[in-house]
Amino acid sequence: QGKNTTIGRDKENPVVLADISISRRHAELLPGPDGIYIRDLESSNGVLVNRTRIDNPYRLSHGDRITIGNVIIYFVDQRPQYGAVAPGASSPPASHKQCSRCGSENSSMARFCQMCAAPL
């Protein structure tokens, strides 16, 4: 188990997002027995996961879209079942998904288009 990690505008946070739409201490990542959770720290603009505002700690899944203020982050689960490469192994070739709505290329692990936010 790791430690809790705060996200916000303040330089004291382990993860600093320098955007005026983000509170000084906006959100917190919490390790749990079954994964990583995110919770809002009573921020002004809230935390959205997959475009839904969260009120309680929310367990993140691989590819979840996290919106903190005006910043969008995608959660990448690096546990082996989600494609992390074992030490000494070579990485698989990068692949992309094409958005059926706008045609832009996206990461193979993305669940939403980076250009138009359509589900992939």
PDB file of N, CA and C in Angstrom:
ATOM      1  N   GLN A   1       0.837  -1.187   0.000  1.00  0.00           N
ATOM      2  CA  GLN A   1       0.000   0.000   0.000  1.00  0.00           C
ATOM      3  C   GLN A   1       0.877   1.244   0.000  1.00  0.00           C
ATOM      4  N   GLY A   2       0.511   2.228  -0.792  1.00  0.00           N
ATOM      5  CA  GLY A   2       1.234   3.492  -0.854  1.00  0.00           C
ATOM      6  C   GLY A   2       0.617   4.493   0.093  1.00  0.00           C
ATOM      7  N   LYS A   3       0.953   5.745  -0.137  1.00  0.00           N
ATOM      8  CA  LYS A   3       0.409   6.805   0.711  1.00  0.00           C
ATOM      9  C   LYS A   3      -0.558   7.667  -0.085  1.00  0.00           C
ATOM     10  N   ASN A   4      -1.348   8.443   0.633  1.00  0.00           N
ATOM     11  CA  ASN A   4      -2.284   9.363  -0.014  1.00  0.00           C
ATOM     12  C   ASN A   4      -1.501  10.446  -0.756  1.00  0.00           C
ATOM     13  N   THR A   5      -2.031  10.886  -1.896  1.00  0.00           N
ATOM     14  CA  THR A   5      -1.378  11.891  -2.726  1.00  0.00           C
ATOM     15  C   THR A   5      -2.374  12.996  -3.032  1.00  0.00           C
ATOM     16  N   THR A   6      -2.056  14.226  -2.626  1.00  0.00           N
ATOM     17  CA  THR A   6      -2.955  15.345  -2.912  1.00  0.00           C
ATOM     18  C   THR A   6      -2.602  15.982  -4.254  1.00  0.00           C
ATOM     19  N   ILE A   7      -3.644  16.532  -4.874  1.00  0.00           N
ATOM     20  CA  ILE A   7      -3.532  17.206  -6.167  1.00  0.00           C
ATOM     21  C   ILE A   7      -4.102  18.605  -5.985  1.00  0.00           C
ATOM     22  N   GLY A   8      -3.402  19.603  -6.482  1.00  0.00           N
ATOM     23  CA  GLY A   8      -3.918  20.963  -6.390  1.00  0.00           C
ATOM     24  C   GLY A   8      -2.942  21.987  -6.928  1.00  0.00           C
ATOM     25  N   ARG A   9      -3.299  23.249  -6.766  1.00  0.00           N
ATOM     26  CA  ARG A   9      -2.502  24.367  -7.261  1.00  0.00           C
ATOM     27  C   ARG A   9      -1.321  24.686  -6.350  1.00  0.00           C
ATOM     28  N   ASP A  10      -1.457  24.397  -5.050  1.00  0.00           N
ATOM     29  CA  ASP A  10      -0.417  24.714  -4.075  1.00  0.00           C
ATOM     30  C   ASP A  10       0.845  23.890  -4.337  1.00  0.00           C
ATOM     31  N   LYS A  11       2.004  24.528  -4.232  1.00  0.00           N
ATOM     32  CA  LYS A  11       3.285  23.863  -4.491  1.00  0.00           C
ATOM     33  C   LYS A  11       3.607  22.776  -3.475  1.00  0.00           C
ATOM     34  N   GLU A  12       2.896  22.732  -2.359  1.00  0.00           N
ATOM     35  CA  GLU A  12       3.124  21.709  -1.334  1.00  0.00           C
ATOM     36  C   GLU A  12       2.519  20.356  -1.722  1.00  0.00           C
ATOM     37  N   ASN A  13       1.641  20.321  -2.715  1.00  0.00           N
ATOM     38  CA  ASN A  13       1.038  19.064  -3.164  1.00  0.00           C
ATOM     39  C   ASN A  13       2.066  18.243  -3.933  1.00  0.00           C
ATOM     40  N   PRO A  14       2.044  16.921  -3.789  1.00  0.00           N
ATOM     41  CA  PRO A  14       2.915  16.084  -4.615  1.00  0.00           C
ATOM     42  C   PRO A  14       2.605  16.216  -6.111  1.00  0.00           C
ATOM     43  N   VAL A  15       1.335  16.452  -6.448  1.00  0.00           N
ATOM     44  CA  VAL A  15       0.936  16.679  -7.841  1.00  0.00           C
ATOM     45  C   VAL A  15       0.405  18.106  -7.934  1.00  0.00           C
ATOM     46  N   VAL A  16       1.143  18.963  -8.637  1.00  0.00           N
ATOM     47  CA  VAL A  16       0.777  20.376  -8.776  1.00  0.00           C
ATOM     48  C   VAL A  16       0.225  20.610 -10.173  1.00  0.00           C
ATOM     49  N   LEU A  17      -0.992  21.173 -10.238  1.00  0.00           N
ATOM     50  CA  LEU A  17      -1.616  21.558 -11.501  1.00  0.00           C
ATOM     51  C   LEU A  17      -1.817  23.069 -11.441  1.00  0.00           C
ATOM     52  N   ALA A  18      -0.988  23.798 -12.179  1.00  0.00           N
ATOM     53  CA  ALA A  18      -0.985  25.263 -12.116  1.00  0.00           C
ATOM     54  C   ALA A  18      -2.039  25.845 -13.042  1.00  0.00           C
ATOM     55  N   ASP A  19      -3.284  25.759 -12.620  1.00  0.00           N
ATOM     56  CA  ASP A  19      -4.396  26.305 -13.397  1.00  0.00           C
ATOM     57  C   ASP A  19      -5.343  26.989 -12.417  1.00  0.00           C
ATOM     58  N   ILE A  20      -5.808  28.174 -12.752  1.00  0.00           N
ATOM     59  CA  ILE A  20      -6.661  28.969 -11.859  1.00  0.00           C
ATOM     60  C   ILE A  20      -7.976  28.256 -11.522  1.00  0.00           C
ATOM     61  N   SER A  21      -8.409  27.318 -12.358  1.00  0.00           N
ATOM     62  CA  SER A  21      -9.663  26.592 -12.112  1.00  0.00           C
ATOM     63  C   SER A  21      -9.508  25.503 -11.052  1.00  0.00           C
ATOM     64  N   ILE A  22      -8.291  25.308 -10.585  1.00  0.00           N
ATOM     65  CA  ILE A  22      -7.999  24.243  -9.621  1.00  0.00           C
ATOM     66  C   ILE A  22      -7.763  24.856  -8.248  1.00  0.00           C
ATOM     67  N   SER A  23      -8.372  24.256  -7.223  1.00  0.00           N
ATOM     68  CA  SER A  23      -8.213  24.735  -5.849  1.00  0.00           C
ATOM     69  C   SER A  23      -6.808  24.419  -5.341  1.00  0.00           C
ATOM     70  N   ARG A  24      -6.412  25.105  -4.267  1.00  0.00           N
ATOM     71  CA  ARG A  24      -5.075  24.870  -3.700  1.00  0.00           C
ATOM     72  C   ARG A  24      -4.881  23.399  -3.339  1.00  0.00           C
ATOM     73  N   ARG A  25      -5.861  22.816  -2.687  1.00  0.00           N
ATOM     74  CA  ARG A  25      -5.890  21.367  -2.396  1.00  0.00           C
ATOM     75  C   ARG A  25      -7.208  20.876  -2.971  1.00  0.00           C
ATOM     76  N   HIS A  26      -7.170  20.337  -4.164  1.00  0.00           N
ATOM     77  CA  HIS A  26      -8.388  20.051  -4.922  1.00  0.00           C
ATOM     78  C   HIS A  26      -8.892  18.619  -4.721  1.00  0.00           C
ATOM     79  N   ALA A  27      -7.985  17.651  -4.823  1.00  0.00           N
ATOM     80  CA  ALA A  27      -8.390  16.243  -4.766  1.00  0.00           C
ATOM     81  C   ALA A  27      -7.292  15.426  -4.105  1.00  0.00           C
ATOM     82  N   GLU A  28      -7.645  14.182  -3.785  1.00  0.00           N
ATOM     83  CA  GLU A  28      -6.681  13.287  -3.154  1.00  0.00           C
ATOM     84  C   GLU A  28      -6.825  11.897  -3.751  1.00  0.00           C
ATOM     85  N   LEU A  29      -5.679  11.278  -4.046  1.00  0.00           N
ATOM     86  CA  LEU A  29      -5.642   9.882  -4.484  1.00  0.00           C
ATOM     87  C   LEU A  29      -5.349   9.029  -3.265  1.00  0.00           C
ATOM     88  N   LEU A  30      -6.153   7.969  -3.077  1.00  0.00           N
ATOM     89  CA  LEU A  30      -6.036   7.117  -1.901  1.00  0.00           C
ATOM     90  C   LEU A  30      -5.841   5.670  -2.333  1.00  0.00           C
ATOM     91  N   PRO A  31      -4.771   5.008  -1.890  1.00  0.00           N
ATOM     92  CA  PRO A  31      -4.636   3.588  -2.208  1.00  0.00           C
ATOM     93  C   PRO A  31      -5.607   2.778  -1.358  1.00  0.00           C
ATOM     94  N   GLY A  32      -6.233   1.786  -1.962  1.00  0.00           N
ATOM     95  CA  GLY A  32      -7.146   0.907  -1.245  1.00  0.00           C
ATOM     96  C   GLY A  32      -6.786  -0.537  -1.537  1.00  0.00           C
ATOM     97  N   PRO A  33      -7.415  -1.470  -0.853  1.00  0.00           N
ATOM     98  CA  PRO A  33      -7.081  -2.882  -1.062  1.00  0.00           C
ATOM     99  C   PRO A  33      -7.419  -3.379  -2.466  1.00  0.00           C
ATOM    100  N   ASP A  34      -8.344  -2.698  -3.142  1.00  0.00           N
ATOM    101  CA  ASP A  34      -8.771  -3.153  -4.468  1.00  0.00           C
ATOM    102  C   ASP A  34      -8.481  -2.135  -5.562  1.00  0.00           C
ATOM    103  N   GLY A  35      -7.605  -1.165  -5.291  1.00  0.00           N
ATOM    104  CA  GLY A  35      -7.270  -0.187  -6.319  1.00  0.00           C
ATOM    105  C   GLY A  35      -7.037   1.198  -5.750  1.00  0.00           C
ATOM    106  N   ILE A  36      -7.020   2.176  -6.645  1.00  0.00           N
ATOM    107  CA  ILE A  36      -6.791   3.571  -6.278  1.00  0.00           C
ATOM    108  C   ILE A  36      -8.127   4.312  -6.286  1.00  0.00           C
ATOM    109  N   TYR A  37      -8.343   5.114  -5.261  1.00  0.00           N
ATOM    110  CA  TYR A  37      -9.557   5.919  -5.144  1.00  0.00           C
ATOM    111  C   TYR A  37      -9.187   7.393  -5.288  1.00  0.00           C
ATOM    112  N   ILE A  38     -10.144   8.192  -5.754  1.00  0.00           N
ATOM    113  CA  ILE A  38      -9.979   9.641  -5.792  1.00  0.00           C
ATOM    114  C   ILE A  38     -11.129  10.258  -5.016  1.00  0.00           C
ATOM    115  N   ARG A  39     -10.833  11.339  -4.298  1.00  0.00           N
ATOM    116  CA  ARG A  39     -11.898  12.057  -3.601  1.00  0.00           C
ATOM    117  C   ARG A  39     -11.672  13.551  -3.731  1.00  0.00           C
ATOM    118  N   ASP A  40     -12.773  14.272  -3.752  1.00  0.00           N
ATOM    119  CA  ASP A  40     -12.758  15.729  -3.826  1.00  0.00           C
ATOM    120  C   ASP A  40     -12.480  16.272  -2.430  1.00  0.00           C
ATOM    121  N   LEU A  41     -11.616  17.260  -2.331  1.00  0.00           N
ATOM    122  CA  LEU A  41     -11.307  17.877  -1.040  1.00  0.00           C
ATOM    123  C   LEU A  41     -12.085  19.180  -0.866  1.00  0.00           C
ATOM    124  N   GLU A  42     -13.397  19.111  -1.139  1.00  0.00           N
ATOM    125  CA  GLU A  42     -14.300  20.262  -1.026  1.00  0.00           C
ATOM    126  C   GLU A  42     -13.819  21.429  -1.885  1.00  0.00           C
ATOM    127  N   SER A  43     -13.406  21.101  -3.107  1.00  0.00           N
ATOM    128  CA  SER A  43     -12.912  22.111  -4.041  1.00  0.00           C
ATOM    129  C   SER A  43     -14.059  22.948  -4.590  1.00  0.00           C
ATOM    130  N   SER A  44     -13.715  24.087  -5.161  1.00  0.00           N
ATOM    131  CA  SER A  44     -14.731  24.971  -5.743  1.00  0.00           C
ATOM    132  C   SER A  44     -15.400  24.356  -6.962  1.00  0.00           C
ATOM    133  N   ASN A  45     -14.618  23.734  -7.840  1.00  0.00           N
ATOM    134  CA  ASN A  45     -15.148  23.207  -9.104  1.00  0.00           C
ATOM    135  C   ASN A  45     -15.400  21.706  -9.109  1.00  0.00           C
ATOM    136  N   GLY A  46     -15.099  21.029  -8.010  1.00  0.00           N
ATOM    137  CA  GLY A  46     -15.375  19.606  -7.917  1.00  0.00           C
ATOM    138  C   GLY A  46     -14.439  18.739  -8.742  1.00  0.00           C
ATOM    139  N   VAL A  47     -14.682  17.436  -8.662  1.00  0.00           N
ATOM    140  CA  VAL A  47     -13.939  16.430  -9.420  1.00  0.00           C
ATOM    141  C   VAL A  47     -14.956  15.622 -10.200  1.00  0.00           C
ATOM    142  N   LEU A  48     -14.706  15.444 -11.486  1.00  0.00           N
ATOM    143  CA  LEU A  48     -15.575  14.619 -12.325  1.00  0.00           C
ATOM    144  C   LEU A  48     -14.802  13.391 -12.780  1.00  0.00           C
ATOM    145  N   VAL A  49     -15.456  12.245 -12.748  1.00  0.00           N
ATOM    146  CA  VAL A  49     -14.890  11.026 -13.316  1.00  0.00           C
ATOM    147  C   VAL A  49     -15.850  10.584 -14.404  1.00  0.00           C
ATOM    148  N   ASN A  50     -15.340  10.491 -15.618  1.00  0.00           N
ATOM    149  CA  ASN A  50     -16.156  10.151 -16.787  1.00  0.00           C
ATOM    150  C   ASN A  50     -17.376  11.067 -16.889  1.00  0.00           C
ATOM    151  N   ARG A  51     -17.115  12.362 -16.674  1.00  0.00           N
ATOM    152  CA  ARG A  51     -18.106  13.441 -16.796  1.00  0.00           C
ATOM    153  C   ARG A  51     -19.183  13.457 -15.712  1.00  0.00           C
ATOM    154  N   THR A  52     -18.995  12.689 -14.647  1.00  0.00           N
ATOM    155  CA  THR A  52     -19.947  12.661 -13.538  1.00  0.00           C
ATOM    156  C   THR A  52     -19.249  13.162 -12.281  1.00  0.00           C
ATOM    157  N   ARG A  53     -19.864  14.150 -11.632  1.00  0.00           N
ATOM    158  CA  ARG A  53     -19.278  14.705 -10.405  1.00  0.00           C
ATOM    159  C   ARG A  53     -19.317  13.653  -9.309  1.00  0.00           C
ATOM    160  N   ILE A  54     -18.213  13.521  -8.577  1.00  0.00           N
ATOM    161  CA  ILE A  54     -18.157  12.544  -7.491  1.00  0.00           C
ATOM    162  C   ILE A  54     -18.368  13.251  -6.158  1.00  0.00           C
ATOM    163  N   ASP A  55     -19.061  12.572  -5.241  1.00  0.00           N
ATOM    164  CA  ASP A  55     -19.310  13.113  -3.910  1.00  0.00           C
ATOM    165  C   ASP A  55     -18.561  12.335  -2.837  1.00  0.00           C
ATOM    166  N   ASN A  56     -18.240  11.077  -3.121  1.00  0.00           N
ATOM    167  CA  ASN A  56     -17.565  10.195  -2.178  1.00  0.00           C
ATOM    168  C   ASN A  56     -16.312   9.657  -2.845  1.00  0.00           C
ATOM    169  N   PRO A  57     -15.399   9.048  -2.073  1.00  0.00           N
ATOM    170  CA  PRO A  57     -14.249   8.424  -2.726  1.00  0.00           C
ATOM    171  C   PRO A  57     -14.724   7.468  -3.827  1.00  0.00           C
ATOM    172  N   TYR A  58     -14.090   7.560  -4.978  1.00  0.00           N
ATOM    173  CA  TYR A  58     -14.493   6.804  -6.165  1.00  0.00           C
ATOM    174  C   TYR A  58     -13.318   5.934  -6.597  1.00  0.00           C
ATOM    175  N   ARG A  59     -13.566   4.617  -6.746  1.00  0.00           N
ATOM    176  CA  ARG A  59     -12.500   3.709  -7.191  1.00  0.00           C
ATOM    177  C   ARG A  59     -12.280   3.885  -8.677  1.00  0.00           C
ATOM    178  N   LEU A  60     -11.054   4.212  -9.045  1.00  0.00           N
ATOM    179  CA  LEU A  60     -10.715   4.450 -10.446  1.00  0.00           C
ATOM    180  C   LEU A  60     -10.497   3.146 -11.194  1.00  0.00           C
ATOM    181  N   SER A  61     -10.885   3.137 -12.455  1.00  0.00           N
ATOM    182  CA  SER A  61     -10.663   2.008 -13.353  1.00  0.00           C
ATOM    183  C   SER A  61      -9.760   2.465 -14.485  1.00  0.00           C
ATOM    184  N   HIS A  62      -9.036   1.526 -15.063  1.00  0.00           N
ATOM    185  CA  HIS A  62      -8.121   1.813 -16.165  1.00  0.00           C
ATOM    186  C   HIS A  62      -8.841   2.601 -17.260  1.00  0.00           C
ATOM    187  N   GLY A  63      -8.283   3.741 -17.645  1.00  0.00           N
ATOM    188  CA  GLY A  63      -8.853   4.553 -18.713  1.00  0.00           C
ATOM    189  C   GLY A  63      -9.856   5.592 -18.267  1.00  0.00           C
ATOM    190  N   ASP A  64     -10.174   5.655 -16.963  1.00  0.00           N
ATOM    191  CA  ASP A  64     -11.132   6.661 -16.491  1.00  0.00           C
ATOM    192  C   ASP A  64     -10.642   8.066 -16.827  1.00  0.00           C
ATOM    193  N   ARG A  65     -11.582   8.915 -17.214  1.00  0.00           N
ATOM    194  CA  ARG A  65     -11.306  10.323 -17.527  1.00  0.00           C
ATOM    195  C   ARG A  65     -11.607  11.133 -16.269  1.00  0.00           C
ATOM    196  N   ILE A  66     -10.590  11.789 -15.725  1.00  0.00           N
ATOM    197  CA  ILE A  66     -10.720  12.582 -14.506  1.00  0.00           C
ATOM    198  C   ILE A  66     -10.627  14.050 -14.894  1.00  0.00           C
ATOM    199  N   THR A  67     -11.630  14.840 -14.492  1.00  0.00           N
ATOM    200  CA  THR A  67     -11.603  16.275 -14.754  1.00  0.00           C
ATOM    201  C   THR A  67     -11.443  16.995 -13.427  1.00  0.00           C
ATOM    202  N   ILE A  68     -10.355  17.760 -13.325  1.00  0.00           N
ATOM    203  CA  ILE A  68     -10.053  18.553 -12.140  1.00  0.00           C
ATOM    204  C   ILE A  68      -9.946  19.990 -12.626  1.00  0.00           C
ATOM    205  N   GLY A  69     -10.943  20.809 -12.304  1.00  0.00           N
ATOM    206  CA  GLY A  69     -10.988  22.157 -12.862  1.00  0.00           C
ATOM    207  C   GLY A  69     -11.104  22.055 -14.375  1.00  0.00           C
ATOM    208  N   ASN A  70     -10.204  22.728 -15.094  1.00  0.00           N
ATOM    209  CA  ASN A  70     -10.195  22.660 -16.561  1.00  0.00           C
ATOM    210  C   ASN A  70      -9.209  21.633 -17.099  1.00  0.00           C
ATOM    211  N   VAL A  71      -8.613  20.839 -16.212  1.00  0.00           N
ATOM    212  CA  VAL A  71      -7.587  19.873 -16.607  1.00  0.00           C
ATOM    213  C   VAL A  71      -8.197  18.476 -16.682  1.00  0.00           C
ATOM    214  N   ILE A  72      -7.905  17.774 -17.774  1.00  0.00           N
ATOM    215  CA  ILE A  72      -8.382  16.399 -17.963  1.00  0.00           C
ATOM    216  C   ILE A  72      -7.186  15.463 -17.860  1.00  0.00           C
ATOM    217  N   ILE A  73      -7.345  14.429 -17.041  1.00  0.00           N
ATOM    218  CA  ILE A  73      -6.306  13.427 -16.816  1.00  0.00           C
ATOM    219  C   ILE A  73      -6.935  12.062 -17.069  1.00  0.00           C
ATOM    220  N   TYR A  74      -6.191  11.149 -17.670  1.00  0.00           N
ATOM    221  CA  TYR A  74      -6.666   9.777 -17.843  1.00  0.00           C
ATOM    222  C   TYR A  74      -5.913   8.877 -16.876  1.00  0.00           C
ATOM    223  N   PHE A  75      -6.656   8.047 -16.149  1.00  0.00           N
ATOM    224  CA  PHE A  75      -6.055   7.127 -15.190  1.00  0.00           C
ATOM    225  C   PHE A  75      -5.543   5.900 -15.928  1.00  0.00           C
ATOM    226  N   VAL A  76      -4.270   5.593 -15.729  1.00  0.00           N
ATOM    227  CA  VAL A  76      -3.659   4.410 -16.338  1.00  0.00           C
ATOM    228  C   VAL A  76      -3.275   3.465 -15.213  1.00  0.00           C
ATOM    229  N   ASP A  77      -3.921   2.316 -15.169  1.00  0.00           N
ATOM    230  CA  ASP A  77      -3.625   1.298 -14.163  1.00  0.00           C
ATOM    231  C   ASP A  77      -2.444   0.490 -14.671  1.00  0.00           C
ATOM    232  N   GLN A  78      -1.338   0.507 -13.939  1.00  0.00           N
ATOM    233  CA  GLN A  78      -0.128  -0.156 -14.399  1.00  0.00           C
ATOM    234  C   GLN A  78       0.061  -1.544 -13.813  1.00  0.00           C
ATOM    235  N   ARG A  79      -0.965  -2.080 -13.182  1.00  0.00           N
ATOM    236  CA  ARG A  79      -0.852  -3.453 -12.699  1.00  0.00           C
ATOM    237  C   ARG A  79      -0.766  -4.387 -13.902  1.00  0.00           C
ATOM    238  N   PRO A  80      -0.116  -5.551 -13.765  1.00  0.00           N
ATOM    239  CA  PRO A  80       0.120  -6.440 -14.913  1.00  0.00           C
ATOM    240  C   PRO A  80      -1.109  -6.783 -15.747  1.00  0.00           C
ATOM    241  N   GLN A  81      -2.271  -6.955 -15.142  1.00  0.00           N
ATOM    242  CA  GLN A  81      -3.455  -7.321 -15.925  1.00  0.00           C
ATOM    243  C   GLN A  81      -3.910  -6.209 -16.853  1.00  0.00           C
ATOM    244  N   TYR A  82      -3.344  -5.003 -16.704  1.00  0.00           N
ATOM    245  CA  TYR A  82      -3.724  -3.885 -17.563  1.00  0.00           C
ATOM    246  C   TYR A  82      -2.626  -3.497 -18.531  1.00  0.00           C
ATOM    247  N   GLY A  83      -1.696  -4.404 -18.778  1.00  0.00           N
ATOM    248  CA  GLY A  83      -0.728  -4.177 -19.836  1.00  0.00           C
ATOM    249  C   GLY A  83       0.600  -3.603 -19.407  1.00  0.00           C
ATOM    250  N   ALA A  84       0.887  -3.510 -18.114  1.00  0.00           N
ATOM    251  CA  ALA A  84       2.210  -3.049 -17.720  1.00  0.00           C
ATOM    252  C   ALA A  84       3.228  -4.088 -18.163  1.00  0.00           C
ATOM    253  N   VAL A  85       4.393  -3.643 -18.538  1.00  0.00           N
ATOM    254  CA  VAL A  85       5.415  -4.543 -19.052  1.00  0.00           C
ATOM    255  C   VAL A  85       6.297  -5.005 -17.904  1.00  0.00           C
ATOM    256  N   ALA A  86       6.504  -6.306 -17.808  1.00  0.00           N
ATOM    257  CA  ALA A  86       7.354  -6.867 -16.769  1.00  0.00           C
ATOM    258  C   ALA A  86       8.802  -6.449 -17.007  1.00  0.00           C
ATOM    259  N   PRO A  87       9.598  -6.317 -15.933  1.00  0.00           N
ATOM    260  CA  PRO A  87      11.000  -5.947 -16.114  1.00  0.00           C
ATOM    261  C   PRO A  87      11.696  -6.915 -17.071  1.00  0.00           C
ATOM    262  N   GLY A  88      12.482  -6.384 -17.979  1.00  0.00           N
ATOM    263  CA  GLY A  88      13.202  -7.217 -18.941  1.00  0.00           C
ATOM    264  C   GLY A  88      12.413  -7.539 -20.194  1.00  0.00           C
ATOM    265  N   ALA A  89      11.117  -7.308 -20.186  1.00  0.00           N
ATOM    266  CA  ALA A  89      10.290  -7.595 -21.367  1.00  0.00           C
ATOM    267  C   ALA A  89      10.278  -6.374 -22.269  1.00  0.00           C
ATOM    268  N   SER A  90      10.028  -6.596 -23.534  1.00  0.00           N
ATOM    269  CA  SER A  90       9.957  -5.455 -24.448  1.00  0.00           C
ATOM    270  C   SER A  90       8.526  -4.949 -24.510  1.00  0.00           C
ATOM    271  N   SER A  91       8.395  -3.676 -24.775  1.00  0.00           N
ATOM    272  CA  SER A  91       7.071  -3.066 -24.874  1.00  0.00           C
ATOM    273  C   SER A  91       6.401  -3.476 -26.169  1.00  0.00           C
ATOM    274  N   PRO A  92       5.084  -3.685 -26.144  1.00  0.00           N
ATOM    275  CA  PRO A  92       4.378  -3.966 -27.393  1.00  0.00           C
ATOM    276  C   PRO A  92       4.363  -2.712 -28.253  1.00  0.00           C
ATOM    277  N   PRO A  93       4.232  -2.858 -29.557  1.00  0.00           N
ATOM    278  CA  PRO A  93       4.190  -1.669 -30.401  1.00  0.00           C
ATOM    279  C   PRO A  93       2.992  -0.802 -30.033  1.00  0.00           C
ATOM    280  N   ALA A  94       3.187   0.505 -30.110  1.00  0.00           N
ATOM    281  CA  ALA A  94       2.097   1.431 -29.785  1.00  0.00           C
ATOM    282  C   ALA A  94       0.980   1.279 -30.804  1.00  0.00           C
ATOM    283  N   SER A  95      -0.242   1.262 -30.323  1.00  0.00           N
ATOM    284  CA  SER A  95      -1.379   1.200 -31.234  1.00  0.00           C
ATOM    285  C   SER A  95      -2.336   2.324 -30.869  1.00  0.00           C
ATOM    286  N   HIS A  96      -3.183   2.648 -31.794  1.00  0.00           N
ATOM    287  CA  HIS A  96      -4.097   3.763 -31.609  1.00  0.00           C
ATOM    288  C   HIS A  96      -5.515   3.341 -31.964  1.00  0.00           C
ATOM    289  N   LYS A  97      -6.462   4.096 -31.434  1.00  0.00           N
ATOM    290  CA  LYS A  97      -7.867   3.938 -31.801  1.00  0.00           C
ATOM    291  C   LYS A  97      -8.265   5.180 -32.572  1.00  0.00           C
ATOM    292  N   GLN A  98      -9.039   4.985 -33.620  1.00  0.00           N
ATOM    293  CA  GLN A  98      -9.531   6.128 -34.374  1.00  0.00           C
ATOM    294  C   GLN A  98     -10.954   6.426 -33.924  1.00  0.00           C
ATOM    295  N   CYS A  99     -11.229   7.688 -33.672  1.00  0.00           N
ATOM    296  CA  CYS A  99     -12.558   8.115 -33.247  1.00  0.00           C
ATOM    297  C   CYS A  99     -13.516   8.026 -34.428  1.00  0.00           C
ATOM    298  N   SER A 100     -14.649   7.372 -34.217  1.00  0.00           N
ATOM    299  CA  SER A 100     -15.635   7.243 -35.295  1.00  0.00           C
ATOM    300  C   SER A 100     -16.378   8.554 -35.541  1.00  0.00           C
ATOM    301  N   ARG A 101     -16.377   9.460 -34.555  1.00  0.00           N
ATOM    302  CA  ARG A 101     -17.075  10.735 -34.716  1.00  0.00           C
ATOM    303  C   ARG A 101     -16.225  11.759 -35.479  1.00  0.00           C
ATOM    304  N   CYS A 102     -14.962  11.986 -35.034  1.00  0.00           N
ATOM    305  CA  CYS A 102     -14.158  13.052 -35.642  1.00  0.00           C
ATOM    306  C   CYS A 102     -12.952  12.547 -36.428  1.00  0.00           C
ATOM    307  N   GLY A 103     -12.632  11.251 -36.291  1.00  0.00           N
ATOM    308  CA  GLY A 103     -11.538  10.668 -37.056  1.00  0.00           C
ATOM    309  C   GLY A 103     -10.154  10.833 -36.457  1.00  0.00           C
ATOM    310  N   SER A 104     -10.019  11.493 -35.306  1.00  0.00           N
ATOM    311  CA  SER A 104      -8.688  11.682 -34.729  1.00  0.00           C
ATOM    312  C   SER A 104      -8.182  10.388 -34.103  1.00  0.00           C
ATOM    313  N   GLU A 105      -6.839  10.256 -34.051  1.00  0.00           N
ATOM    314  CA  GLU A 105      -6.230   9.078 -33.444  1.00  0.00           C
ATOM    315  C   GLU A 105      -6.063   9.309 -31.954  1.00  0.00           C
ATOM    316  N   ASN A 106      -6.316   8.258 -31.179  1.00  0.00           N
ATOM    317  CA  ASN A 106      -6.225   8.309 -29.730  1.00  0.00           C
ATOM    318  C   ASN A 106      -5.398   7.137 -29.241  1.00  0.00           C
ATOM    319  N   SER A 107      -4.899   7.242 -28.029  1.00  0.00           N
ATOM    320  CA  SER A 107      -4.158   6.156 -27.409  1.00  0.00           C
ATOM    321  C   SER A 107      -5.025   4.903 -27.365  1.00  0.00           C
ATOM    322  N   SER A 108      -4.388   3.747 -27.472  1.00  0.00           N
ATOM    323  CA  SER A 108      -5.140   2.491 -27.446  1.00  0.00           C
ATOM    324  C   SER A 108      -5.844   2.274 -26.115  1.00  0.00           C
ATOM    325  N   MET A 109      -5.387   2.932 -25.047  1.00  0.00           N
ATOM    326  CA  MET A 109      -6.028   2.736 -23.751  1.00  0.00           C
ATOM    327  C   MET A 109      -7.070   3.798 -23.427  1.00  0.00           C
ATOM    328  N   ALA A 110      -7.238   4.785 -24.289  1.00  0.00           N
ATOM    329  CA  ALA A 110      -8.223   5.840 -24.050  1.00  0.00           C
ATOM    330  C   ALA A 110      -9.641   5.297 -24.179  1.00  0.00           C
ATOM    331  N   ARG A 111     -10.522   5.800 -23.338  1.00  0.00           N
ATOM    332  CA  ARG A 111     -11.935   5.421 -23.416  1.00  0.00           C
ATOM    333  C   ARG A 111     -12.769   6.514 -24.056  1.00  0.00           C
ATOM    334  N   PHE A 112     -12.189   7.726 -24.157  1.00  0.00           N
ATOM    335  CA  PHE A 112     -12.871   8.866 -24.754  1.00  0.00           C
ATOM    336  C   PHE A 112     -11.911   9.565 -25.708  1.00  0.00           C
ATOM    337  N   CYS A 113     -12.437  10.120 -26.782  1.00  0.00           N
ATOM    338  CA  CYS A 113     -11.630  10.836 -27.767  1.00  0.00           C
ATOM    339  C   CYS A 113     -11.043  12.099 -27.144  1.00  0.00           C
ATOM    340  N   GLN A 114      -9.757  12.326 -27.393  1.00  0.00           N
ATOM    341  CA  GLN A 114      -9.103  13.514 -26.841  1.00  0.00           C
ATOM    342  C   GLN A 114      -9.534  14.796 -27.536  1.00  0.00           C
ATOM    343  N   MET A 115     -10.074  14.703 -28.751  1.00  0.00           N
ATOM    344  CA  MET A 115     -10.483  15.894 -29.492  1.00  0.00           C
ATOM    345  C   MET A 115     -11.950  16.261 -29.263  1.00  0.00           C
ATOM    346  N   CYS A 116     -12.838  15.253 -29.326  1.00  0.00           N
ATOM    347  CA  CYS A 116     -14.274  15.568 -29.247  1.00  0.00           C
ATOM    348  C   CYS A 116     -14.972  14.929 -28.046  1.00  0.00           C
ATOM    349  N   ALA A 117     -14.239  14.140 -27.247  1.00  0.00           N
ATOM    350  CA  ALA A 117     -14.747  13.498 -26.029  1.00  0.00           C
ATOM    351  C   ALA A 117     -15.784  12.410 -26.283  1.00  0.00           C
ATOM    352  N   ALA A 118     -15.903  11.953 -27.524  1.00  0.00           N
ATOM    353  CA  ALA A 118     -16.835  10.855 -27.822  1.00  0.00           C
ATOM    354  C   ALA A 118     -16.292   9.559 -27.226  1.00  0.00           C
ATOM    355  N   PRO A 119     -17.166   8.662 -26.757  1.00  0.00           N
ATOM    356  CA  PRO A 119     -16.691   7.359 -26.279  1.00  0.00           C
ATOM    357  C   PRO A 119     -16.021   6.594 -27.422  1.00  0.00           C
ATOM    358  N   LEU A 120     -14.929   5.893 -27.090  1.00  0.00           N
ATOM    359  CA  LEU A 120     -14.222   5.106 -28.112  1.00  0.00           C
ATOM    360  C   LEU A 120     -14.636   3.648 -28.040  1.00  0.00           C
TER     361      LEU A 120
END
